[in-house]
PDB file of N, CA and C in Angstrom:
ATOM      1  N   UNK A   1     176.337 303.049 -15.201  1.00  0.00           N
ATOM      2  CA  UNK A   1     175.004 303.595 -15.371  1.00  0.00           C
ATOM      3  C   UNK A   1     174.584 303.531 -16.829  1.00  0.00           C
ATOM      4  N   UNK A   2     175.514 303.914 -17.732  1.00  0.00           N
ATOM      5  CA  UNK A   2     175.213 303.903 -19.160  1.00  0.00           C
ATOM      6  C   UNK A   2     174.958 302.474 -19.633  1.00  0.00           C
ATOM      7  N   UNK A   3     175.748 301.524 -19.130  1.00  0.00           N
ATOM      8  CA  UNK A   3     175.577 300.121 -19.496  1.00  0.00           C
ATOM      9  C   UNK A   3     174.213 299.599 -19.037  1.00  0.00           C
ATOM     10  N   UNK A   4     173.789 299.981 -17.841  1.00  0.00           N
ATOM     11  CA  UNK A   4     172.482 299.556 -17.337  1.00  0.00           C
ATOM     12  C   UNK A   4     171.367 300.081 -18.221  1.00  0.00           C
ATOM     13  N   UNK A   5     171.487 301.300 -18.693  1.00  0.00           N
ATOM     14  CA  UNK A   5     170.463 301.888 -19.561  1.00  0.00           C
ATOM     15  C   UNK A   5     170.406 301.159 -20.897  1.00  0.00           C
ATOM     16  N   UNK A   6     171.568 300.766 -21.429  1.00  0.00           N
ATOM     17  CA  UNK A   6     171.609 300.033 -22.697  1.00  0.00           C
ATOM     18  C   UNK A   6     170.944 298.665 -22.528  1.00  0.00           C
ATOM     19  N   UNK A   7     171.295 297.965 -21.475  1.00  0.00           N
ATOM     20  CA  UNK A   7     170.706 296.647 -21.213  1.00  0.00           C
ATOM     21  C   UNK A   7     169.199 296.771 -21.020  1.00  0.00           C
ATOM     22  N   UNK A   8     168.761 297.758 -20.276  1.00  0.00           N
ATOM     23  CA  UNK A   8     167.335 297.981 -20.059  1.00  0.00           C
ATOM     24  C   UNK A   8     166.628 298.259 -21.380  1.00  0.00           C
ATOM     25  N   UNK A   9     167.236 299.058 -22.234  1.00  0.00           N
ATOM     26  CA  UNK A   9     166.658 299.361 -23.540  1.00  0.00           C
ATOM     27  C   UNK A   9     166.514 298.117 -24.399  1.00  0.00           C
ATOM     28  N   UNK A  10     167.519 297.238 -24.367  1.00  0.00           N
ATOM     29  CA  UNK A  10     167.467 295.990 -25.138  1.00  0.00           C
ATOM     30  C   UNK A  10     166.348 295.099 -24.616  1.00  0.00           C
ATOM     31  N   UNK A  11     166.252 294.967 -23.304  1.00  0.00           N
ATOM     32  CA  UNK A  11     165.210 294.117 -22.717  1.00  0.00           C
ATOM     33  C   UNK A  11     163.813 294.633 -23.044  1.00  0.00           C
ATOM     34  N   UNK A  12     163.640 295.929 -22.997  1.00  0.00           N
ATOM     35  CA  UNK A  12     162.335 296.511 -23.322  1.00  0.00           C
ATOM     36  C   UNK A  12     162.010 296.277 -24.789  1.00  0.00           C
ATOM     37  N   UNK A  13     163.018 296.367 -25.638  1.00  0.00           N
ATOM     38  CA  UNK A  13     162.812 296.138 -27.060  1.00  0.00           C
ATOM     39  C   UNK A  13     162.472 294.701 -27.383  1.00  0.00           C
ATOM     40  N   UNK A  14     162.994 293.749 -26.633  1.00  0.00           N
ATOM     41  CA  UNK A  14     162.744 292.333 -26.877  1.00  0.00           C
ATOM     42  C   UNK A  14     161.454 291.830 -26.247  1.00  0.00           C
ATOM     43  N   UNK A  15     160.926 292.523 -25.274  1.00  0.00           N
ATOM     44  CA  UNK A  15     159.738 292.069 -24.545  1.00  0.00           C
ATOM     45  C   UNK A  15     158.545 291.790 -25.453  1.00  0.00           C
ATOM     46  N   UNK A  16     158.171 292.664 -26.405  1.00  0.00           N
ATOM     47  CA  UNK A  16     157.014 292.362 -27.252  1.00  0.00           C
ATOM     48  C   UNK A  16     157.221 291.120 -28.112  1.00  0.00           C
ATOM     49  N   UNK A  17     158.457 290.865 -28.547  1.00  0.00           N
ATOM     50  CA  UNK A  17     158.729 289.697 -29.372  1.00  0.00           C
ATOM     51  C   UNK A  17     158.606 288.412 -28.571  1.00  0.00           C
ATOM     52  N   UNK A  18     159.019 288.429 -27.330  1.00  0.00           N
ATOM     53  CA  UNK A  18     158.962 287.231 -26.485  1.00  0.00           C
ATOM     54  C   UNK A  18     157.538 286.787 -26.250  1.00  0.00           C
ATOM     55  N   UNK A  19     156.621 287.709 -26.084  1.00  0.00           N
ATOM     56  CA  UNK A  19     155.225 287.373 -25.835  1.00  0.00           C
ATOM     57  C   UNK A  19     154.474 286.944 -27.073  1.00  0.00           C
ATOM     58  N   UNK A  20     155.017 287.207 -28.271  1.00  0.00           N
ATOM     59  CA  UNK A  20     154.280 286.902 -29.491  1.00  0.00           C
ATOM     60  C   UNK A  20     154.566 285.525 -30.047  1.00  0.00           C
ATOM     61  N   UNK A  21     155.545 284.803 -29.509  1.00  0.00           N
ATOM     62  CA  UNK A  21     155.866 283.476 -30.019  1.00  0.00           C
ATOM     63  C   UNK A  21     154.821 282.471 -29.563  1.00  0.00           C
ATOM     64  N   UNK A  22     154.284 281.646 -30.478  1.00  0.00           N
ATOM     65  CA  UNK A  22     153.316 280.618 -30.071  1.00  0.00           C
ATOM     66  C   UNK A  22     154.023 279.485 -29.337  1.00  0.00           C
ATOM     67  N   UNK A  23     153.285 278.792 -28.501  1.00  0.00           N
ATOM     68  CA  UNK A  23     153.832 277.657 -27.768  1.00  0.00           C
ATOM     69  C   UNK A  23     154.201 276.555 -28.746  1.00  0.00           C
ATOM     70  N   UNK A  24     155.344 275.959 -28.575  1.00  0.00           N
ATOM     71  CA  UNK A  24     155.824 274.919 -29.468  1.00  0.00           C
ATOM     72  C   UNK A  24     155.301 273.535 -29.088  1.00  0.00           C
ATOM     73  N   UNK A  25     154.911 273.353 -27.841  1.00  0.00           N
ATOM     74  CA  UNK A  25     154.547 272.035 -27.356  1.00  0.00           C
ATOM     75  C   UNK A  25     153.239 271.513 -27.930  1.00  0.00           C
ATOM     76  N   UNK A  26     152.173 272.296 -27.814  1.00  0.00           N
ATOM     77  CA  UNK A  26     150.843 271.859 -28.240  1.00  0.00           C
ATOM     78  C   UNK A  26     150.064 273.045 -28.787  1.00  0.00           C
ATOM     79  N   UNK A  27     149.100 272.758 -29.658  1.00  0.00           N
ATOM     80  CA  UNK A  27     148.223 273.849 -30.115  1.00  0.00           C
ATOM     81  C   UNK A  27     147.416 274.397 -28.938  1.00  0.00           C
ATOM     82  N   UNK A  28     147.101 275.683 -28.975  1.00  0.00           N
ATOM     83  CA  UNK A  28     146.381 276.330 -27.871  1.00  0.00           C
ATOM     84  C   UNK A  28     145.036 275.685 -27.607  1.00  0.00           C
ATOM     85  N   UNK A  29     144.305 275.284 -28.643  1.00  0.00           N
ATOM     86  CA  UNK A  29     142.987 274.679 -28.439  1.00  0.00           C
ATOM     87  C   UNK A  29     143.094 273.349 -27.705  1.00  0.00           C
ATOM     88  N   UNK A  30     144.138 272.586 -27.984  1.00  0.00           N
ATOM     89  CA  UNK A  30     144.337 271.308 -27.303  1.00  0.00           C
ATOM     90  C   UNK A  30     144.725 271.542 -25.850  1.00  0.00           C
ATOM     91  N   UNK A  31     145.574 272.508 -25.590  1.00  0.00           N
ATOM     92  CA  UNK A  31     145.997 272.808 -24.224  1.00  0.00           C
ATOM     93  C   UNK A  31     144.818 273.252 -23.376  1.00  0.00           C
ATOM     94  N   UNK A  32     143.941 274.102 -23.916  1.00  0.00           N
ATOM     95  CA  UNK A  32     142.795 274.601 -23.158  1.00  0.00           C
ATOM     96  C   UNK A  32     141.842 273.473 -22.794  1.00  0.00           C
ATOM     97  N   UNK A  33     141.601 272.530 -23.709  1.00  0.00           N
ATOM     98  CA  UNK A  33     140.661 271.445 -23.416  1.00  0.00           C
ATOM     99  C   UNK A  33     141.248 270.469 -22.401  1.00  0.00           C
ATOM    100  N   UNK A  34     142.562 270.287 -22.418  1.00  0.00           N
ATOM    101  CA  UNK A  34     143.190 269.384 -21.463  1.00  0.00           C
ATOM    102  C   UNK A  34     143.371 270.048 -20.101  1.00  0.00           C
ATOM    103  N   UNK A  35     143.504 271.337 -20.094  1.00  0.00           N
ATOM    104  CA  UNK A  35     143.837 272.037 -18.865  1.00  0.00           C
ATOM    105  C   UNK A  35     142.717 271.975 -17.827  1.00  0.00           C
ATOM    106  N   UNK A  36     141.512 272.338 -18.188  1.00  0.00           N
ATOM    107  CA  UNK A  36     140.410 272.419 -17.229  1.00  0.00           C
ATOM    108  C   UNK A  36     139.551 271.169 -17.320  1.00  0.00           C
ATOM    109  N   UNK A  37     139.447 270.476 -16.200  1.00  0.00           N
ATOM    110  CA  UNK A  37     138.608 269.286 -16.118  1.00  0.00           C
ATOM    111  C   UNK A  37     137.853 269.327 -14.806  1.00  0.00           C
ATOM    112  N   UNK A  38     136.820 268.508 -14.727  1.00  0.00           N
ATOM    113  CA  UNK A  38     136.149 268.336 -13.442  1.00  0.00           C
ATOM    114  C   UNK A  38     135.876 266.856 -13.236  1.00  0.00           C
ATOM    115  N   UNK A  39     135.949 266.444 -11.995  1.00  0.00           N
ATOM    116  CA  UNK A  39     135.704 265.061 -11.593  1.00  0.00           C
ATOM    117  C   UNK A  39     134.718 265.064 -10.439  1.00  0.00           C
ATOM    118  N   UNK A  40     133.880 264.040 -10.378  1.00  0.00           N
ATOM    119  CA  UNK A  40     132.925 263.918  -9.282  1.00  0.00           C
ATOM    120  C   UNK A  40     133.167 262.593  -8.573  1.00  0.00           C
ATOM    121  N   UNK A  41     133.190 262.642  -7.250  1.00  0.00           N
ATOM    122  CA  UNK A  41     133.386 261.439  -6.462  1.00  0.00           C
ATOM    123  C   UNK A  41     133.415 261.769  -4.988  1.00  0.00           C
ATOM    124  N   UNK A  42     133.830 260.787  -4.213  1.00  0.00           N
ATOM    125  CA  UNK A  42     133.876 260.936  -2.763  1.00  0.00           C
ATOM    126  C   UNK A  42     135.316 261.103  -2.299  1.00  0.00           C
ATOM    127  N   UNK A  43     135.511 262.014  -1.364  1.00  0.00           N
ATOM    128  CA  UNK A  43     136.851 262.258  -0.838  1.00  0.00           C
ATOM    129  C   UNK A  43     137.110 261.331   0.338  1.00  0.00           C
ATOM    130  N   UNK A  44     138.310 260.755   0.323  1.00  0.00           N
ATOM    131  CA  UNK A  44     138.744 259.876   1.400  1.00  0.00           C
ATOM    132  C   UNK A  44     140.221 260.185   1.677  1.00  0.00           C
ATOM    133  N   UNK A  45     140.672 259.765   2.840  1.00  0.00           N
ATOM    134  CA  UNK A  45     142.086 259.912   3.179  1.00  0.00           C
ATOM    135  C   UNK A  45     142.681 258.517   3.273  1.00  0.00           C
ATOM    136  N   UNK A  46     143.748 258.297   2.511  1.00  0.00           N
ATOM    137  CA  UNK A  46     144.413 257.000   2.499  1.00  0.00           C
ATOM    138  C   UNK A  46     145.912 257.218   2.638  1.00  0.00           C
ATOM    139  N   UNK A  47     146.493 256.646   3.651  1.00  0.00           N
ATOM    140  CA  UNK A  47     147.939 256.749   3.890  1.00  0.00           C
ATOM    141  C   UNK A  47     148.417 258.199   3.927  1.00  0.00           C
ATOM    142  N   UNK A  48     147.643 259.072   4.549  1.00  0.00           N
ATOM    143  CA  UNK A  48     148.027 260.466   4.682  1.00  0.00           C
ATOM    144  C   UNK A  48     147.798 261.318   3.443  1.00  0.00           C
ATOM    145  N   UNK A  49     147.199 260.739   2.405  1.00  0.00           N
ATOM    146  CA  UNK A  49     146.926 261.459   1.164  1.00  0.00           C
ATOM    147  C   UNK A  49     145.419 261.479   0.917  1.00  0.00           C
ATOM    148  N   UNK A  50     144.931 262.578   0.339  1.00  0.00           N
ATOM    149  CA  UNK A  50     143.520 262.663   0.011  1.00  0.00           C
ATOM    150  C   UNK A  50     143.314 262.139  -1.409  1.00  0.00           C
ATOM    151  N   UNK A  51     142.247 261.330  -1.564  1.00  0.00           N
ATOM    152  CA  UNK A  51     141.943 260.720  -2.854  1.00  0.00           C
ATOM    153  C   UNK A  51     140.466 260.916  -3.179  1.00  0.00           C
ATOM    154  N   UNK A  52     140.158 260.790  -4.462  1.00  0.00           N
ATOM    155  CA  UNK A  52     138.788 260.860  -4.930  1.00  0.00           C
ATOM    156  C   UNK A  52     138.380 259.456  -5.356  1.00  0.00           C
ATOM    157  N   UNK A  53     137.242 258.973  -4.823  1.00  0.00           N
ATOM    158  CA  UNK A  53     136.766 257.619  -5.095  1.00  0.00           C
ATOM    159  C   UNK A  53     135.475 257.656  -5.895  1.00  0.00           C
ATOM    160  N   UNK A  54     135.263 256.607  -6.718  1.00  0.00           N
ATOM    161  CA  UNK A  54     134.005 256.508  -7.462  1.00  0.00           C
ATOM    162  C   UNK A  54     132.937 255.842  -6.595  1.00  0.00           C
ATOM    163  N   UNK A  55     131.759 255.550  -7.159  1.00  0.00           N
ATOM    164  CA  UNK A  55     130.649 254.957  -6.384  1.00  0.00           C
ATOM    165  C   UNK A  55     130.964 253.561  -5.847  1.00  0.00           C
ATOM    166  N   UNK A  56     131.901 252.866  -6.487  1.00  0.00           N
ATOM    167  CA  UNK A  56     132.302 251.537  -6.018  1.00  0.00           C
ATOM    168  C   UNK A  56     133.510 251.626  -5.076  1.00  0.00           C
ATOM    169  N   UNK A  57     133.827 252.846  -4.650  1.00  0.00           N
ATOM    170  CA  UNK A  57     134.935 253.136  -3.750  1.00  0.00           C
ATOM    171  C   UNK A  57     136.293 252.745  -4.340  1.00  0.00           C
ATOM    172  N   UNK A  58     136.408 252.873  -5.658  1.00  0.00           N
ATOM    173  CA  UNK A  58     137.676 252.672  -6.359  1.00  0.00           C
ATOM    174  C   UNK A  58     138.312 254.041  -6.585  1.00  0.00           C
ATOM    175  N   UNK A  59     139.626 254.108  -6.471  1.00  0.00           N
ATOM    176  CA  UNK A  59     140.341 255.374  -6.597  1.00  0.00           C
ATOM    177  C   UNK A  59     140.248 255.928  -8.022  1.00  0.00           C
ATOM    178  N   UNK A  60     139.802 257.178  -8.117  1.00  0.00           N
ATOM    179  CA  UNK A  60     139.771 257.894  -9.391  1.00  0.00           C
ATOM    180  C   UNK A  60     141.088 258.644  -9.561  1.00  0.00           C
ATOM    181  N   UNK A  61     141.507 259.364  -8.508  1.00  0.00           N
ATOM    182  CA  UNK A  61     142.732 260.158  -8.567  1.00  0.00           C
ATOM    183  C   UNK A  61     143.176 260.558  -7.174  1.00  0.00           C
ATOM    184  N   UNK A  62     144.447 260.796  -7.036  1.00  0.00           N
ATOM    185  CA  UNK A  62     144.984 261.418  -5.836  1.00  0.00           C
ATOM    186  C   UNK A  62     144.736 262.918  -5.946  1.00  0.00           C
ATOM    187  N   UNK A  63     144.484 263.572  -4.839  1.00  0.00           N
ATOM    188  CA  UNK A  63     144.165 265.003  -4.867  1.00  0.00           C
ATOM    189  C   UNK A  63     145.308 265.827  -4.299  1.00  0.00           C
ATOM    190  N   UNK A  64     145.533 266.951  -4.951  1.00  0.00           N
ATOM    191  CA  UNK A  64     146.562 267.896  -4.532  1.00  0.00           C
ATOM    192  C   UNK A  64     145.961 269.289  -4.672  1.00  0.00           C
ATOM    193  N   UNK A  65     146.124 270.114  -3.681  1.00  0.00           N
ATOM    194  CA  UNK A  65     145.595 271.468  -3.722  1.00  0.00           C
ATOM    195  C   UNK A  65     146.506 272.360  -4.555  1.00  0.00           C
ATOM    196  N   UNK A  66     145.908 273.194  -5.393  1.00  0.00           N
ATOM    197  CA  UNK A  66     146.684 274.157  -6.177  1.00  0.00           C
ATOM    198  C   UNK A  66     147.205 275.271  -5.283  1.00  0.00           C
ATOM    199  N   UNK A  67     146.565 275.487  -4.151  1.00  0.00           N
ATOM    200  CA  UNK A  67     146.987 276.530  -3.211  1.00  0.00           C
ATOM    201  C   UNK A  67     147.900 275.978  -2.142  1.00  0.00           C
ATOM    202  N   UNK A  68     148.163 276.798  -1.152  1.00  0.00           N
ATOM    203  CA  UNK A  68     149.073 276.393  -0.086  1.00  0.00           C
ATOM    204  C   UNK A  68     148.379 275.586   1.006  1.00  0.00           C
ATOM    205  N   UNK A  69     147.039 275.583   1.028  1.00  0.00           N
ATOM    206  CA  UNK A  69     146.289 274.870   2.065  1.00  0.00           C
ATOM    207  C   UNK A  69     146.137 273.399   1.688  1.00  0.00           C
ATOM    208  N   UNK A  70     146.998 272.551   2.235  1.00  0.00           N
ATOM    209  CA  UNK A  70     146.958 271.125   1.930  1.00  0.00           C
ATOM    210  C   UNK A  70     145.793 270.421   2.616  1.00  0.00           C
ATOM    211  N   UNK A  71     145.239 271.024   3.658  1.00  0.00           N
ATOM    212  CA  UNK A  71     144.167 270.393   4.422  1.00  0.00           C
ATOM    213  C   UNK A  71     142.784 270.834   3.949  1.00  0.00           C
ATOM    214  N   UNK A  72     142.698 271.470   2.807  1.00  0.00           N
ATOM    215  CA  UNK A  72     141.414 271.946   2.301  1.00  0.00           C
ATOM    216  C   UNK A  72     140.422 270.792   2.104  1.00  0.00           C
ATOM    217  N   UNK A  73     140.914 269.592   1.864  1.00  0.00           N
ATOM    218  CA  UNK A  73     140.054 268.441   1.606  1.00  0.00           C
ATOM    219  C   UNK A  73     139.510 267.806   2.877  1.00  0.00           C
ATOM    220  N   UNK A  74     140.101 268.096   4.026  1.00  0.00           N
ATOM    221  CA  UNK A  74     139.733 267.446   5.286  1.00  0.00           C
ATOM    222  C   UNK A  74     138.255 267.594   5.609  1.00  0.00           C
ATOM    223  N   UNK A  75     137.694 268.748   5.387  1.00  0.00           N
ATOM    224  CA  UNK A  75     136.278 268.951   5.736  1.00  0.00           C
ATOM    225  C   UNK A  75     135.321 268.259   4.772  1.00  0.00           C
ATOM    226  N   UNK A  76     135.843 267.716   3.670  1.00  0.00           N
ATOM    227  CA  UNK A  76     134.992 267.024   2.696  1.00  0.00           C
ATOM    228  C   UNK A  76     135.129 265.501   2.748  1.00  0.00           C
ATOM    229  N   UNK A  77     135.926 264.966   3.680  1.00  0.00           N
ATOM    230  CA  UNK A  77     136.102 263.513   3.784  1.00  0.00           C
ATOM    231  C   UNK A  77     134.744 262.867   4.058  1.00  0.00           C
ATOM    232  N   UNK A  78     134.408 261.849   3.277  1.00  0.00           N
ATOM    233  CA  UNK A  78     133.126 261.153   3.420  1.00  0.00           C
ATOM    234  C   UNK A  78     131.981 261.833   2.690  1.00  0.00           C
ATOM    235  N   UNK A  79     132.263 262.866   1.936  1.00  0.00           N
ATOM    236  CA  UNK A  79     131.226 263.595   1.196  1.00  0.00           C
ATOM    237  C   UNK A  79     131.487 263.516  -0.297  1.00  0.00           C
ATOM    238  N   UNK A  80     130.410 263.557  -1.062  1.00  0.00           N
ATOM    239  CA  UNK A  80     130.519 263.549  -2.514  1.00  0.00           C
ATOM    240  C   UNK A  80     130.722 264.986  -2.988  1.00  0.00           C
ATOM    241  N   UNK A  81     131.750 265.179  -3.837  1.00  0.00           N
ATOM    242  CA  UNK A  81     132.104 266.517  -4.304  1.00  0.00           C
ATOM    243  C   UNK A  81     132.368 266.504  -5.806  1.00  0.00           C
ATOM    244  N   UNK A  82     132.390 267.693  -6.371  1.00  0.00           N
ATOM    245  CA  UNK A  82     132.868 267.879  -7.735  1.00  0.00           C
ATOM    246  C   UNK A  82     134.102 268.774  -7.620  1.00  0.00           C
ATOM    247  N   UNK A  83     135.228 268.279  -8.112  1.00  0.00           N
ATOM    248  CA  UNK A  83     136.457 269.055  -8.089  1.00  0.00           C
ATOM    249  C   UNK A  83     136.792 269.506  -9.499  1.00  0.00           C
ATOM    250  N   UNK A  84     137.324 270.702  -9.616  1.00  0.00           N
ATOM    251  CA  UNK A  84     137.782 271.186 -10.912  1.00  0.00           C
ATOM    252  C   UNK A  84     139.271 271.471 -10.803  1.00  0.00           C
ATOM    253  N   UNK A  85     139.956 271.306 -11.914  1.00  0.00           N
ATOM    254  CA  UNK A  85     141.395 271.528 -11.922  1.00  0.00           C
ATOM    255  C   UNK A  85     142.039 270.871 -13.117  1.00  0.00           C
ATOM    256  N   UNK A  86     143.251 270.367 -12.921  1.00  0.00           N
ATOM    257  CA  UNK A  86     144.008 269.752 -14.010  1.00  0.00           C
ATOM    258  C   UNK A  86     144.650 268.455 -13.561  1.00  0.00           C
ATOM    259  N   UNK A  87     144.773 267.541 -14.503  1.00  0.00           N
ATOM    260  CA  UNK A  87     145.523 266.314 -14.235  1.00  0.00           C
ATOM    261  C   UNK A  87     146.996 266.639 -14.336  1.00  0.00           C
ATOM    262  N   UNK A  88     147.759 266.189 -13.389  1.00  0.00           N
ATOM    263  CA  UNK A  88     149.191 266.453 -13.380  1.00  0.00           C
ATOM    264  C   UNK A  88     149.876 265.559 -14.397  1.00  0.00           C
ATOM    265  N   UNK A  89     150.668 266.172 -15.259  1.00  0.00           N
ATOM    266  CA  UNK A  89     151.395 265.380 -16.245  1.00  0.00           C
ATOM    267  C   UNK A  89     152.648 264.759 -15.629  1.00  0.00           C
ATOM    268  N   UNK A  90     153.129 265.332 -14.547  1.00  0.00           N
ATOM    269  CA  UNK A  90     154.343 264.841 -13.910  1.00  0.00           C
ATOM    270  C   UNK A  90     154.104 263.663 -12.980  1.00  0.00           C
ATOM    271  N   UNK A  91     152.973 263.637 -12.310  1.00  0.00           N
ATOM    272  CA  UNK A  91     152.689 262.571 -11.348  1.00  0.00           C
ATOM    273  C   UNK A  91     151.455 261.807 -11.830  1.00  0.00           C
ATOM    274  N   UNK A  92     151.620 260.537 -12.096  1.00  0.00           N
ATOM    275  CA  UNK A  92     150.526 259.720 -12.600  1.00  0.00           C
ATOM    276  C   UNK A  92     149.407 259.613 -11.569  1.00  0.00           C
ATOM    277  N   UNK A  93     148.179 259.880 -12.025  1.00  0.00           N
ATOM    278  CA  UNK A  93     147.018 259.725 -11.163  1.00  0.00           C
ATOM    279  C   UNK A  93     146.778 260.852 -10.188  1.00  0.00           C
ATOM    280  N   UNK A  94     147.471 261.986 -10.334  1.00  0.00           N
ATOM    281  CA  UNK A  94     147.297 263.110  -9.416  1.00  0.00           C
ATOM    282  C   UNK A  94     146.499 264.206 -10.108  1.00  0.00           C
ATOM    283  N   UNK A  95     145.500 264.723  -9.406  1.00  0.00           N
ATOM    284  CA  UNK A  95     144.644 265.795  -9.909  1.00  0.00           C
ATOM    285  C   UNK A  95     144.877 267.023  -9.042  1.00  0.00           C
ATOM    286  N   UNK A  96     145.313 268.117  -9.666  1.00  0.00           N
ATOM    287  CA  UNK A  96     145.546 269.360  -8.941  1.00  0.00           C
ATOM    288  C   UNK A  96     144.249 270.154  -8.910  1.00  0.00           C
ATOM    289  N   UNK A  97     143.709 270.353  -7.728  1.00  0.00           N
ATOM    290  CA  UNK A  97     142.382 270.941  -7.546  1.00  0.00           C
ATOM    291  C   UNK A  97     142.468 272.462  -7.402  1.00  0.00           C
ATOM    292  N   UNK A  98     141.690 273.153  -8.247  1.00  0.00           N
ATOM    293  CA  UNK A  98     141.591 274.610  -8.157  1.00  0.00           C
ATOM    294  C   UNK A  98     140.241 275.040  -7.592  1.00  0.00           C
ATOM    295  N   UNK A  99     139.266 274.125  -7.587  1.00  0.00           N
ATOM    296  CA  UNK A  99     137.955 274.430  -7.033  1.00  0.00           C
ATOM    297  C   UNK A  99     137.275 273.158  -6.556  1.00  0.00           C
ATOM    298  N   UNK A 100     136.433 273.299  -5.547  1.00  0.00           N
ATOM    299  CA  UNK A 100     135.728 272.143  -4.996  1.00  0.00           C
ATOM    300  C   UNK A 100     134.325 272.567  -4.585  1.00  0.00           C
ATOM    301  N   UNK A 101     133.349 271.702  -4.903  1.00  0.00           N
ATOM    302  CA  UNK A 101     131.952 271.991  -4.569  1.00  0.00           C
ATOM    303  C   UNK A 101     131.293 270.711  -4.072  1.00  0.00           C
ATOM    304  N   UNK A 102     130.634 270.802  -2.919  1.00  0.00           N
ATOM    305  CA  UNK A 102     129.967 269.636  -2.361  1.00  0.00           C
ATOM    306  C   UNK A 102     128.710 269.310  -3.166  1.00  0.00           C
ATOM    307  N   UNK A 103     128.562 268.026  -3.514  1.00  0.00           N
ATOM    308  CA  UNK A 103     127.404 267.549  -4.254  1.00  0.00           C
ATOM    309  C   UNK A 103     126.403 266.898  -3.314  1.00  0.00           C
ATOM    310  N   UNK A 104     126.917 266.148  -2.336  1.00  0.00           N
ATOM    311  CA  UNK A 104     126.076 265.447  -1.373  1.00  0.00           C
ATOM    312  C   UNK A 104     126.819 265.372  -0.040  1.00  0.00           C
ATOM    313  N   UNK A 105     126.038 265.303   1.040  1.00  0.00           N
ATOM    314  CA  UNK A 105     126.664 265.250   2.373  1.00  0.00           C
ATOM    315  C   UNK A 105     127.156 263.842   2.727  1.00  0.00           C
ATOM    316  N   UNK A 106     126.871 262.854   1.861  1.00  0.00           N
ATOM    317  CA  UNK A 106     127.362 261.503   2.125  1.00  0.00           C
ATOM    318  C   UNK A 106     127.728 260.823   0.813  1.00  0.00           C
ATOM    319  N   UNK A 107     128.518 259.772   0.930  1.00  0.00           N
ATOM    320  CA  UNK A 107     128.920 259.005  -0.236  1.00  0.00           C
ATOM    321  C   UNK A 107     128.064 257.764  -0.380  1.00  0.00           C
ATOM    322  N   UNK A 108     128.106 257.180  -1.532  1.00  0.00           N
ATOM    323  CA  UNK A 108     127.339 255.964  -1.788  1.00  0.00           C
ATOM    324  C   UNK A 108     125.963 256.288  -2.306  1.00  0.00           C
ATOM    325  N   UNK A 109     125.263 255.249  -2.642  1.00  0.00           N
ATOM    326  CA  UNK A 109     123.926 255.392  -3.202  1.00  0.00           C
ATOM    327  C   UNK A 109     122.891 255.582  -2.113  1.00  0.00           C
ATOM    328  N   UNK A 110     121.884 256.397  -2.394  1.00  0.00           N
ATOM    329  CA  UNK A 110     120.797 256.625  -1.427  1.00  0.00           C
ATOM    330  C   UNK A 110     119.976 255.357  -1.290  1.00  0.00           C
ATOM    331  N   UNK A 111     119.526 255.070  -0.068  1.00  0.00           N
ATOM    332  CA  UNK A 111     118.729 253.863   0.170  1.00  0.00           C
ATOM    333  C   UNK A 111     117.289 254.233   0.365  1.00  0.00           C
TER     334      UNK A 111
END
């Protein structure tokens, strides 16, 4: 019991110091600008994966939901949307979506 109290006291004492260290990887201003992005395009499903396409139907990025609902993109297939989120540094060409908003009910240019 006494040992647990000592360990708890040490951890509580170290907690403020742990939160005060700046990130070593990148400056905060650079991280914030890279973190939040938005892309506009049309959602399509290719080989079981959802992708965002430009007006010429070229792939902009693969889409991945930040939440647990992987099928969130299904209702937007064939529609122009604006997605917000972050580009994944681990997987090339993958955009992790935190928000989605429909721009148009169809893709392509209006005739």
